C-alpha atoms as a PDB file:
ATOM      1  CA  MET A   1     -55.463 -66.579 -52.866  1.00  0.00           C
ATOM      2  CA  ARG A   2     -55.768 -62.818 -52.578  1.00  0.00           C
ATOM      3  CA  ARG A   3     -57.473 -63.108 -49.162  1.00  0.00           C
ATOM      4  CA  LYS A   4     -54.756 -65.502 -47.988  1.00  0.00           C
ATOM      5  CA  PHE A   5     -52.057 -63.081 -49.148  1.00  0.00           C
ATOM      6  CA  ILE A   6     -53.724 -60.171 -47.325  1.00  0.00           C
ATOM      7  CA  SER A   7     -54.054 -62.261 -44.164  1.00  0.00           C
ATOM      8  CA  PHE A   8     -50.396 -63.296 -44.332  1.00  0.00           C
ATOM      9  CA  THR A   9     -49.362 -59.686 -44.898  1.00  0.00           C
ATOM     10  CA  MET A  10     -51.402 -58.574 -41.877  1.00  0.00           C
ATOM     11  CA  PHE A  11     -49.842 -61.368 -39.809  1.00  0.00           C
ATOM     12  CA  VAL A  12     -46.316 -60.235 -40.728  1.00  0.00           C
ATOM     13  CA  PHE A  13     -47.240 -56.627 -39.985  1.00  0.00           C
ATOM     14  CA  VAL A  14     -48.503 -57.568 -36.511  1.00  0.00           C
ATOM     15  CA  LEU A  15     -45.299 -59.498 -35.784  1.00  0.00           C
ATOM     16  CA  VAL A  16     -43.167 -56.521 -36.859  1.00  0.00           C
ATOM     17  CA  LEU A  17     -45.291 -54.190 -34.724  1.00  0.00           C
ATOM     18  CA  LEU A  18     -44.963 -56.429 -31.675  1.00  0.00           C
ATOM     19  CA  ALA A  19     -41.209 -56.668 -32.172  1.00  0.00           C
ATOM     20  CA  ALA A  20     -40.966 -52.881 -32.408  1.00  0.00           C
ATOM     21  CA  CYS A  21     -42.964 -52.480 -29.198  1.00  0.00           C
ATOM     22  CA  LYS A  22     -40.699 -54.910 -27.354  1.00  0.00           C
ATOM     23  CA  SER A  23     -37.645 -53.106 -28.689  1.00  0.00           C
ATOM     24  CA  GLY A  24     -39.141 -49.818 -27.536  1.00  0.00           C
ATOM     25  CA  ASP A  25     -39.740 -51.286 -24.083  1.00  0.00           C
ATOM     26  CA  LYS A  26     -36.099 -52.331 -23.885  1.00  0.00           C
ATOM     27  CA  GLU A  27     -34.910 -48.899 -24.931  1.00  0.00           C
ATOM     28  CA  THR A  28     -37.188 -47.225 -22.392  1.00  0.00           C
ATOM     29  CA  LYS A  29     -35.911 -49.539 -19.625  1.00  0.00           C
ATOM     30  CA  ALA A  30     -32.313 -48.876 -20.617  1.00  0.00           C
ATOM     31  CA  VAL A  31     -32.883 -45.153 -20.383  1.00  0.00           C
ATOM     32  CA  GLY A  32     -34.663 -45.549 -17.057  1.00  0.00           C
ATOM     33  CA  ASP A  33     -31.974 -47.739 -15.551  1.00  0.00           C
ATOM     34  CA  GLY A  34     -29.090 -45.583 -16.770  1.00  0.00           C
ATOM     35  CA  ASP A  35     -26.189 -46.525 -19.018  1.00  0.00           C
ATOM     36  CA  SER A  36     -25.267 -50.110 -18.161  1.00  0.00           C
ATOM     37  CA  ASP A  37     -21.680 -49.422 -19.280  1.00  0.00           C
ATOM     38  CA  VAL A  38     -21.181 -46.788 -16.590  1.00  0.00           C
ATOM     39  CA  ARG A  39     -19.901 -48.099 -13.257  1.00  0.00           C
ATOM     40  CA  THR A  40     -20.719 -46.215 -10.056  1.00  0.00           C
ATOM     41  CA  ILE A  41     -17.743 -45.840  -7.714  1.00  0.00           C
ATOM     42  CA  LYS A  42     -18.479 -45.212  -4.035  1.00  0.00           C
ATOM     43  CA  VAL A  43     -15.824 -42.959  -2.517  1.00  0.00           C
ATOM     44  CA  ALA A  44     -15.545 -42.638   1.271  1.00  0.00           C
ATOM     45  CA  THR A  45     -14.211 -39.312   2.492  1.00  0.00           C
ATOM     46  CA  GLY A  46     -14.048 -37.359   5.747  1.00  0.00           C
ATOM     47  CA  HIS A  47     -16.892 -35.130   6.932  1.00  0.00           C
ATOM     48  CA  THR A  48     -15.139 -32.794   9.384  1.00  0.00           C
ATOM     49  CA  SER A  49     -11.577 -32.455   8.002  1.00  0.00           C
ATOM     50  CA  LYS A  50     -11.858 -28.943   6.590  1.00  0.00           C
ATOM     51  CA  PRO A  51     -10.313 -27.952   4.173  1.00  0.00           C
ATOM     52  CA  LEU A  52      -9.347 -31.474   3.043  1.00  0.00           C
ATOM     53  CA  SER A  53     -12.917 -32.786   3.134  1.00  0.00           C
ATOM     54  CA  TRP A  54     -16.079 -31.785   4.952  1.00  0.00           C
ATOM     55  CA  VAL A  55     -19.861 -31.457   4.661  1.00  0.00           C
ATOM     56  CA  ASP A  56     -20.985 -27.863   4.217  1.00  0.00           C
ATOM     57  CA  GLU A  57     -24.116 -26.223   5.642  1.00  0.00           C
ATOM     58  CA  GLY A  58     -26.116 -27.332   2.628  1.00  0.00           C
ATOM     59  CA  GLY A  59     -25.214 -30.968   3.202  1.00  0.00           C
ATOM     60  CA  LYS A  60     -22.821 -31.094   0.241  1.00  0.00           C
ATOM     61  CA  VAL A  61     -19.513 -32.921   0.484  1.00  0.00           C
ATOM     62  CA  THR A  62     -16.704 -30.569  -0.509  1.00  0.00           C
ATOM     63  CA  GLY A  63     -13.028 -29.895   0.099  1.00  0.00           C
ATOM     64  CA  TYR A  64      -9.784 -30.398  -1.769  1.00  0.00           C
ATOM     65  CA  GLU A  65     -10.062 -34.132  -2.398  1.00  0.00           C
ATOM     66  CA  PRO A  66     -13.848 -34.309  -2.999  1.00  0.00           C
ATOM     67  CA  GLU A  67     -13.491 -31.582  -5.628  1.00  0.00           C
ATOM     68  CA  ILE A  68     -10.748 -33.634  -7.323  1.00  0.00           C
ATOM     69  CA  ILE A  69     -13.182 -36.560  -7.430  1.00  0.00           C
ATOM     70  CA  LYS A  70     -15.786 -34.296  -9.037  1.00  0.00           C
ATOM     71  CA  GLU A  71     -13.250 -33.232 -11.678  1.00  0.00           C
ATOM     72  CA  LEU A  72     -12.379 -36.881 -12.367  1.00  0.00           C
ATOM     73  CA  ASP A  73     -16.103 -37.548 -12.771  1.00  0.00           C
ATOM     74  CA  LYS A  74     -16.165 -35.038 -15.630  1.00  0.00           C
ATOM     75  CA  ILE A  75     -13.282 -36.538 -17.616  1.00  0.00           C
ATOM     76  CA  MET A  76     -13.372 -40.286 -16.918  1.00  0.00           C
ATOM     77  CA  ASP A  77     -15.550 -42.234 -19.359  1.00  0.00           C
ATOM     78  CA  GLY A  78     -17.311 -45.296 -18.022  1.00  0.00           C
ATOM     79  CA  TYR A  79     -17.370 -44.166 -14.393  1.00  0.00           C
ATOM     80  CA  GLU A  80     -19.470 -41.988 -12.143  1.00  0.00           C
ATOM     81  CA  PHE A  81     -18.500 -41.193  -8.566  1.00  0.00           C
ATOM     82  CA  GLU A  82     -20.631 -41.118  -5.441  1.00  0.00           C
ATOM     83  CA  LEU A  83     -19.107 -39.312  -2.443  1.00  0.00           C
ATOM     84  CA  VAL A  84     -19.950 -40.697   1.006  1.00  0.00           C
ATOM     85  CA  ALA A  85     -18.891 -38.671   4.069  1.00  0.00           C
ATOM     86  CA  VAL A  86     -17.866 -40.953   6.953  1.00  0.00           C
ATOM     87  CA  GLU A  87     -15.654 -41.121  10.037  1.00  0.00           C
ATOM     88  CA  ASP A  88     -11.998 -41.824   9.228  1.00  0.00           C
ATOM     89  CA  SER A  89     -12.001 -45.268  10.834  1.00  0.00           C
ATOM     90  CA  ALA A  90     -15.246 -46.209   9.078  1.00  0.00           C
ATOM     91  CA  GLY A  91     -13.731 -45.211   5.743  1.00  0.00           C
ATOM     92  CA  GLU A  92     -10.741 -47.512   6.092  1.00  0.00           C
ATOM     93  CA  THR A  93     -12.853 -50.389   7.400  1.00  0.00           C
ATOM     94  CA  GLY A  94     -15.348 -49.973   4.567  1.00  0.00           C
ATOM     95  CA  LEU A  95     -12.581 -49.856   1.990  1.00  0.00           C
ATOM     96  CA  ALA A  96     -10.993 -53.051   3.300  1.00  0.00           C
ATOM     97  CA  THR A  97     -14.322 -54.923   3.189  1.00  0.00           C
ATOM     98  CA  GLY A  98     -15.344 -53.580  -0.211  1.00  0.00           C
ATOM     99  CA  LYS A  99     -18.246 -51.479   1.084  1.00  0.00           C
ATOM    100  CA  TYR A 100     -16.478 -48.539  -0.587  1.00  0.00           C
ATOM    101  CA  ASP A 101     -14.506 -48.699  -3.815  1.00  0.00           C
ATOM    102  CA  MET A 102     -12.194 -45.801  -2.967  1.00  0.00           C
ATOM    103  CA  LEU A 103     -11.031 -43.775  -0.004  1.00  0.00           C
ATOM    104  CA  ALA A 104     -10.088 -40.091  -0.163  1.00  0.00           C
ATOM    105  CA  GLY A 105      -8.380 -39.184   3.091  1.00  0.00           C
ATOM    106  CA  GLY A 106      -5.092 -37.396   2.447  1.00  0.00           C
ATOM    107  CA  MET A 107      -3.239 -40.683   2.830  1.00  0.00           C
ATOM    108  CA  GLY A 108       0.460 -41.218   2.236  1.00  0.00           C
ATOM    109  CA  PHE A 109       2.029 -44.329   0.745  1.00  0.00           C
ATOM    110  CA  THR A 110       3.127 -47.113   3.074  1.00  0.00           C
ATOM    111  CA  GLU A 111       4.133 -50.697   2.332  1.00  0.00           C
ATOM    112  CA  GLU A 112       1.297 -51.880   4.553  1.00  0.00           C
ATOM    113  CA  ARG A 113      -1.278 -49.903   2.567  1.00  0.00           C
ATOM    114  CA  ALA A 114       0.190 -51.143  -0.702  1.00  0.00           C
ATOM    115  CA  LYS A 115      -0.403 -54.723   0.453  1.00  0.00           C
ATOM    116  CA  GLN A 116      -3.937 -54.023   1.610  1.00  0.00           C
ATOM    117  CA  TYR A 117      -5.181 -51.685  -1.142  1.00  0.00           C
ATOM    118  CA  LEU A 118      -4.529 -50.707  -4.742  1.00  0.00           C
ATOM    119  CA  VAL A 119      -2.526 -47.466  -4.759  1.00  0.00           C
ATOM    120  CA  PRO A 120      -2.423 -45.354  -7.949  1.00  0.00           C
ATOM    121  CA  GLU A 121       0.939 -44.387  -9.405  1.00  0.00           C
ATOM    122  CA  GLU A 122      -0.152 -40.744  -9.550  1.00  0.00           C
ATOM    123  CA  SER A 123      -0.559 -38.805  -6.318  1.00  0.00           C
ATOM    124  CA  ASN A 124      -3.447 -36.387  -5.793  1.00  0.00           C
ATOM    125  CA  GLY A 125      -1.637 -33.857  -3.598  1.00  0.00           C
ATOM    126  CA  ARG A 126       1.049 -33.154  -1.041  1.00  0.00           C
ATOM    127  CA  ALA A 127       0.979 -33.271   2.746  1.00  0.00           C
ATOM    128  CA  LEU A 128       3.420 -30.594   3.872  1.00  0.00           C
ATOM    129  CA  ILE A 129       4.879 -30.902   7.365  1.00  0.00           C
ATOM    130  CA  LYS A 130       5.892 -27.377   8.383  1.00  0.00           C
ATOM    131  CA  MET A 131       7.227 -25.563  11.428  1.00  0.00           C
ATOM    132  CA  TYR A 132       5.018 -22.803  12.816  1.00  0.00           C
ATOM    133  CA  VAL A 133       7.071 -20.213  14.671  1.00  0.00           C
ATOM    134  CA  ALA A 134       6.834 -16.616  15.917  1.00  0.00           C
ATOM    135  CA  GLU A 135       7.395 -14.035  13.187  1.00  0.00           C
ATOM    136  CA  ASP A 136      10.552 -12.681  14.834  1.00  0.00           C
ATOM    137  CA  SER A 137      11.945 -16.024  16.011  1.00  0.00           C
ATOM    138  CA  GLY A 138      14.647 -16.327  13.377  1.00  0.00           C
ATOM    139  CA  ILE A 139      13.882 -20.043  13.055  1.00  0.00           C
ATOM    140  CA  GLU A 140      14.177 -21.245   9.458  1.00  0.00           C
ATOM    141  CA  THR A 141      15.529 -24.805   9.545  1.00  0.00           C
ATOM    142  CA  MET A 142      15.469 -27.850  11.790  1.00  0.00           C
ATOM    143  CA  GLU A 143      18.992 -27.061  12.954  1.00  0.00           C
ATOM    144  CA  ASP A 144      17.650 -23.849  14.482  1.00  0.00           C
ATOM    145  CA  VAL A 145      15.230 -25.773  16.697  1.00  0.00           C
ATOM    146  CA  GLU A 146      17.848 -27.265  19.048  1.00  0.00           C
ATOM    147  CA  GLY A 147      17.224 -25.971  22.563  1.00  0.00           C
ATOM    148  CA  MET A 148      13.805 -24.535  21.644  1.00  0.00           C
ATOM    149  CA  LYS A 149      10.486 -25.295  23.363  1.00  0.00           C
ATOM    150  CA  ILE A 150       8.661 -27.681  21.039  1.00  0.00           C
ATOM    151  CA  SER A 151       4.898 -28.165  21.201  1.00  0.00           C
ATOM    152  CA  PRO A 152       4.074 -31.814  22.091  1.00  0.00           C
ATOM    153  CA  LEU A 153       4.010 -34.281  19.209  1.00  0.00           C
ATOM    154  CA  SER A 154       1.455 -37.013  18.736  1.00  0.00           C
ATOM    155  CA  PRO A 155       3.193 -40.413  18.731  1.00  0.00           C
ATOM    156  CA  ALA A 156       1.009 -41.514  15.821  1.00  0.00           C
ATOM    157  CA  GLY A 157       1.026 -40.010  12.369  1.00  0.00           C
ATOM    158  CA  ALA A 158       3.327 -38.490   9.800  1.00  0.00           C
ATOM    159  CA  THR A 159       4.477 -35.454  11.800  1.00  0.00           C
ATOM    160  CA  TYR A 160       6.260 -37.385  14.526  1.00  0.00           C
ATOM    161  CA  LYS A 161       7.764 -39.721  11.930  1.00  0.00           C
ATOM    162  CA  ALA A 162       9.116 -36.751   9.948  1.00  0.00           C
ATOM    163  CA  VAL A 163      10.788 -35.285  13.053  1.00  0.00           C
ATOM    164  CA  LYS A 164      12.123 -38.667  14.186  1.00  0.00           C
ATOM    165  CA  ASP A 165      13.530 -39.437  10.735  1.00  0.00           C
ATOM    166  CA  TRP A 166      15.359 -36.098  10.744  1.00  0.00           C
ATOM    167  CA  GLU A 167      16.794 -36.821  14.196  1.00  0.00           C
ATOM    168  CA  ASP A 168      18.012 -40.239  13.028  1.00  0.00           C
ATOM    169  CA  GLU A 169      19.726 -38.597  10.048  1.00  0.00           C
ATOM    170  CA  ASN A 170      21.207 -35.789  12.186  1.00  0.00           C
ATOM    171  CA  PRO A 171      22.243 -37.397  15.500  1.00  0.00           C
ATOM    172  CA  LYS A 172      24.426 -34.473  16.565  1.00  0.00           C
ATOM    173  CA  TYR A 173      21.318 -32.339  17.137  1.00  0.00           C
ATOM    174  CA  GLN A 174      19.330 -32.985  20.314  1.00  0.00           C
ATOM    175  CA  LEU A 175      15.668 -31.981  20.153  1.00  0.00           C
ATOM    176  CA  LYS A 176      13.558 -32.090  23.303  1.00  0.00           C
ATOM    177  CA  TYR A 177       9.818 -32.589  23.147  1.00  0.00           C
ATOM    178  CA  ASP A 178       7.001 -34.488  24.829  1.00  0.00           C
ATOM    179  CA  LEU A 179       4.812 -37.102  23.158  1.00  0.00           C
ATOM    180  CA  ALA A 180       1.097 -36.736  23.771  1.00  0.00           C
ATOM    181  CA  ASP A 181      -2.206 -37.289  22.018  1.00  0.00           C
ATOM    182  CA  VAL A 182      -2.962 -33.585  21.847  1.00  0.00           C
ATOM    183  CA  GLY A 183      -6.627 -32.878  21.213  1.00  0.00           C
ATOM    184  CA  ILE A 184      -6.244 -29.098  21.167  1.00  0.00           C
ATOM    185  CA  PRO A 185      -7.685 -27.318  18.087  1.00  0.00           C
ATOM    186  CA  ILE A 186      -5.057 -26.066  15.650  1.00  0.00           C
ATOM    187  CA  ALA A 187      -6.140 -22.430  16.198  1.00  0.00           C
ATOM    188  CA  ASP A 188      -5.334 -22.742  19.913  1.00  0.00           C
ATOM    189  CA  ARG A 189      -2.014 -24.407  19.195  1.00  0.00           C
ATOM    190  CA  LEU A 190      -1.043 -21.531  16.925  1.00  0.00           C
ATOM    191  CA  LYS A 191      -1.964 -19.106  19.699  1.00  0.00           C
ATOM    192  CA  GLU A 192       0.461 -20.961  21.972  1.00  0.00           C
ATOM    193  CA  ILE A 193       3.220 -20.091  19.499  1.00  0.00           C
ATOM    194  CA  ALA A 194       2.096 -16.472  19.312  1.00  0.00           C
ATOM    195  CA  ASN A 195       2.047 -16.041  23.111  1.00  0.00           C
ATOM    196  CA  GLY A 196       5.407 -17.745  23.607  1.00  0.00           C
ATOM    197  CA  LYS A 197       4.278 -20.871  25.438  1.00  0.00           C
ATOM    198  CA  TYR A 198       6.145 -22.848  22.770  1.00  0.00           C
ATOM    199  CA  ASP A 199       8.722 -21.801  20.192  1.00  0.00           C
ATOM    200  CA  VAL A 200       7.911 -24.371  17.515  1.00  0.00           C
ATOM    201  CA  LEU A 201       4.855 -26.302  16.372  1.00  0.00           C
ATOM    202  CA  PHE A 202       5.361 -29.117  13.866  1.00  0.00           C
ATOM    203  CA  TYR A 203       2.136 -29.693  11.962  1.00  0.00           C
ATOM    204  CA  PRO A 204       0.713 -30.666   8.532  1.00  0.00           C
ATOM    205  CA  SER A 205      -0.218 -27.505   6.648  1.00  0.00           C
ATOM    206  CA  SER A 206      -3.582 -28.778   5.390  1.00  0.00           C
ATOM    207  CA  TYR A 207      -5.756 -27.619   8.305  1.00  0.00           C
ATOM    208  CA  GLY A 208      -6.355 -24.057   7.182  1.00  0.00           C
ATOM    209  CA  GLN A 209      -3.452 -22.492   9.098  1.00  0.00           C
ATOM    210  CA  ILE A 210      -2.883 -19.710   6.587  1.00  0.00           C
ATOM    211  CA  LYS A 211      -6.487 -18.550   6.964  1.00  0.00           C
ATOM    212  CA  ILE A 212      -6.423 -18.901  10.769  1.00  0.00           C
ATOM    213  CA  ILE A 213      -3.226 -16.857  11.101  1.00  0.00           C
ATOM    214  CA  GLU A 214      -4.626 -14.129   8.829  1.00  0.00           C
ATOM    215  CA  ASP A 215      -8.108 -14.011  10.386  1.00  0.00           C
ATOM    216  CA  GLN A 216      -6.848 -13.938  13.983  1.00  0.00           C
ATOM    217  CA  LYS A 217      -3.897 -11.677  13.157  1.00  0.00           C
ATOM    218  CA  LEU A 218      -1.406 -13.971  14.873  1.00  0.00           C
ATOM    219  CA  ALA A 219       2.274 -13.038  14.783  1.00  0.00           C
ATOM    220  CA  VAL A 220       3.066 -16.514  13.520  1.00  0.00           C
ATOM    221  CA  ARG A 221       4.579 -17.724  10.264  1.00  0.00           C
ATOM    222  CA  ALA A 222       5.261 -21.063   8.598  1.00  0.00           C
ATOM    223  CA  THR A 223       8.668 -22.180   7.383  1.00  0.00           C
ATOM    224  CA  ASP A 224       9.257 -24.133   4.202  1.00  0.00           C
ATOM    225  CA  PRO A 225       8.233 -27.776   4.632  1.00  0.00           C
ATOM    226  CA  ILE A 226      10.563 -30.032   6.573  1.00  0.00           C
ATOM    227  CA  LYS A 227       8.902 -32.988   4.834  1.00  0.00           C
ATOM    228  CA  ILE A 228       6.847 -33.310   1.643  1.00  0.00           C
ATOM    229  CA  ILE A 229       4.616 -36.391   1.563  1.00  0.00           C
ATOM    230  CA  PRO A 230       2.710 -37.245  -1.647  1.00  0.00           C
ATOM    231  CA  THR A 231      -0.880 -38.285  -0.929  1.00  0.00           C
ATOM    232  CA  PHE A 232      -2.911 -40.910  -2.754  1.00  0.00           C
ATOM    233  CA  PHE A 233      -6.419 -42.215  -3.187  1.00  0.00           C
ATOM    234  CA  MET A 234      -6.732 -45.771  -1.892  1.00  0.00           C
ATOM    235  CA  ILE A 235      -8.712 -48.310  -3.939  1.00  0.00           C
ATOM    236  CA  HIS A 236     -10.287 -51.555  -2.757  1.00  0.00           C
ATOM    237  CA  LYS A 237      -8.083 -54.414  -3.910  1.00  0.00           C
ATOM    238  CA  SER A 238      -9.840 -56.535  -6.529  1.00  0.00           C
ATOM    239  CA  GLU A 239      -9.219 -57.681 -10.082  1.00  0.00           C
ATOM    240  CA  GLU A 240     -12.061 -55.477 -11.335  1.00  0.00           C
ATOM    241  CA  ASN A 241     -10.487 -52.397  -9.750  1.00  0.00           C
ATOM    242  CA  GLU A 242      -7.182 -52.775 -11.598  1.00  0.00           C
ATOM    243  CA  LYS A 243      -8.822 -50.991 -14.533  1.00  0.00           C
ATOM    244  CA  LEU A 244     -10.190 -48.351 -12.178  1.00  0.00           C
ATOM    245  CA  LYS A 245      -6.677 -47.700 -10.872  1.00  0.00           C
ATOM    246  CA  GLU A 246      -5.368 -47.237 -14.418  1.00  0.00           C
ATOM    247  CA  ALA A 247      -8.222 -44.834 -15.195  1.00  0.00           C
ATOM    248  CA  ILE A 248      -7.570 -42.843 -11.992  1.00  0.00           C
ATOM    249  CA  ASP A 249      -3.887 -42.550 -12.940  1.00  0.00           C
ATOM    250  CA  GLU A 250      -4.781 -41.253 -16.386  1.00  0.00           C
ATOM    251  CA  GLY A 251      -7.316 -38.799 -14.974  1.00  0.00           C
ATOM    252  CA  LEU A 252      -4.931 -37.423 -12.335  1.00  0.00           C
ATOM    253  CA  ARG A 253      -2.214 -36.925 -14.947  1.00  0.00           C
ATOM    254  CA  GLU A 254      -4.660 -34.925 -17.049  1.00  0.00           C
ATOM    255  CA  LEU A 255      -5.700 -32.765 -14.063  1.00  0.00           C
ATOM    256  CA  ALA A 256      -2.072 -32.168 -13.108  1.00  0.00           C
ATOM    257  CA  ASP A 257      -1.025 -31.242 -16.650  1.00  0.00           C
ATOM    258  CA  SER A 258      -3.943 -28.835 -17.018  1.00  0.00           C
ATOM    259  CA  GLY A 259      -3.064 -27.101 -13.732  1.00  0.00           C
ATOM    260  CA  LYS A 260      -6.382 -28.069 -12.142  1.00  0.00           C
ATOM    261  CA  LEU A 261      -4.772 -29.749  -9.121  1.00  0.00           C
ATOM    262  CA  SER A 262      -2.745 -26.619  -8.374  1.00  0.00           C
ATOM    263  CA  GLU A 263      -5.859 -24.486  -8.835  1.00  0.00           C
ATOM    264  CA  LEU A 264      -7.813 -26.565  -6.308  1.00  0.00           C
ATOM    265  CA  SER A 265      -4.863 -26.467  -3.901  1.00  0.00           C
ATOM    266  CA  VAL A 266      -4.838 -22.669  -3.932  1.00  0.00           C
ATOM    267  CA  GLU A 267      -8.623 -22.592  -3.528  1.00  0.00           C
ATOM    268  CA  PHE A 268      -8.685 -24.814  -0.451  1.00  0.00           C
ATOM    269  CA  TYR A 269      -5.214 -24.479   1.105  1.00  0.00           C
ATOM    270  CA  ASP A 270      -4.416 -20.889   0.079  1.00  0.00           C
ATOM    271  CA  GLU A 271      -1.184 -22.097  -1.543  1.00  0.00           C
ATOM    272  CA  ASP A 272      -0.027 -24.393  -4.320  1.00  0.00           C
ATOM    273  CA  VAL A 273       1.275 -27.444  -2.472  1.00  0.00           C
ATOM    274  CA  PHE A 274       3.059 -28.590  -5.627  1.00  0.00           C
ATOM    275  CA  GLN A 275       5.332 -25.537  -5.735  1.00  0.00           C
ATOM    276  CA  TYR A 276       7.787 -27.121  -3.316  1.00  0.00           C
ATOM    277  CA  ASP A 277       8.487 -30.088  -5.625  1.00  0.00           C
ATOM    278  CA  GLU A 278      10.913 -27.954  -7.597  1.00  0.00           C
ATOM    279  CA  LYS A 279      12.905 -27.159  -4.430  1.00  0.00           C
ATOM    280  CA  GLN A 280      13.547 -30.787  -3.569  1.00  0.00           C
END
């Protein structure tokens, strides 16, 4: 009986040992594979749109919106974010097909986008459409632009829409300008204002104009925005991503309340784009 008891005890011990080893294997695999409760979110963003988003000399994706994503990564439980730098058209195509979960591209709200994607309630920034004029021009408002030489406007995009909307609301003012797909760098377009070729350039302020004007010592200044357009991250439309949208909203509210969004705006745009909200 004693030998049988010892054998049974040894048998139980071996079973316990084997169970512990299997449990250890599972724990090791879990550690190796990462936390299964953490979902990786692929975020498409631009690679040449400095200072909004670009790839630096070290191959790192940076810029205003990528750095917001990195801040969200720090405070959002259950998610980690992977930034993928792509062409603008590839980003939107990939978002629509589900190749990417999110798109960071300085995008404004439209009804069409709301039908195609999930759009958070909270915006991540502001696109400011401003007038760039000579320092001594005396131009301050849209009313002052009547009769002035206006740099050609692209027929696509928010800038032309902002000018056209103002014209529709103020029909007594007649603005004259050409429509053209202008591929001239923003630095050269600012020089055209400085040398008098044009009196006014309508342009979004998020292309580093403040730095360009300072570095090249151009006698050019920006007016207050003629249009303030909130920008949003776009999320691939799926049932699973409804929770992601809610989490993004919560994270953006936290970053806004802490002042982090304003801090990043000053870092990358040389001004707090949210300061104009109070003037509206």
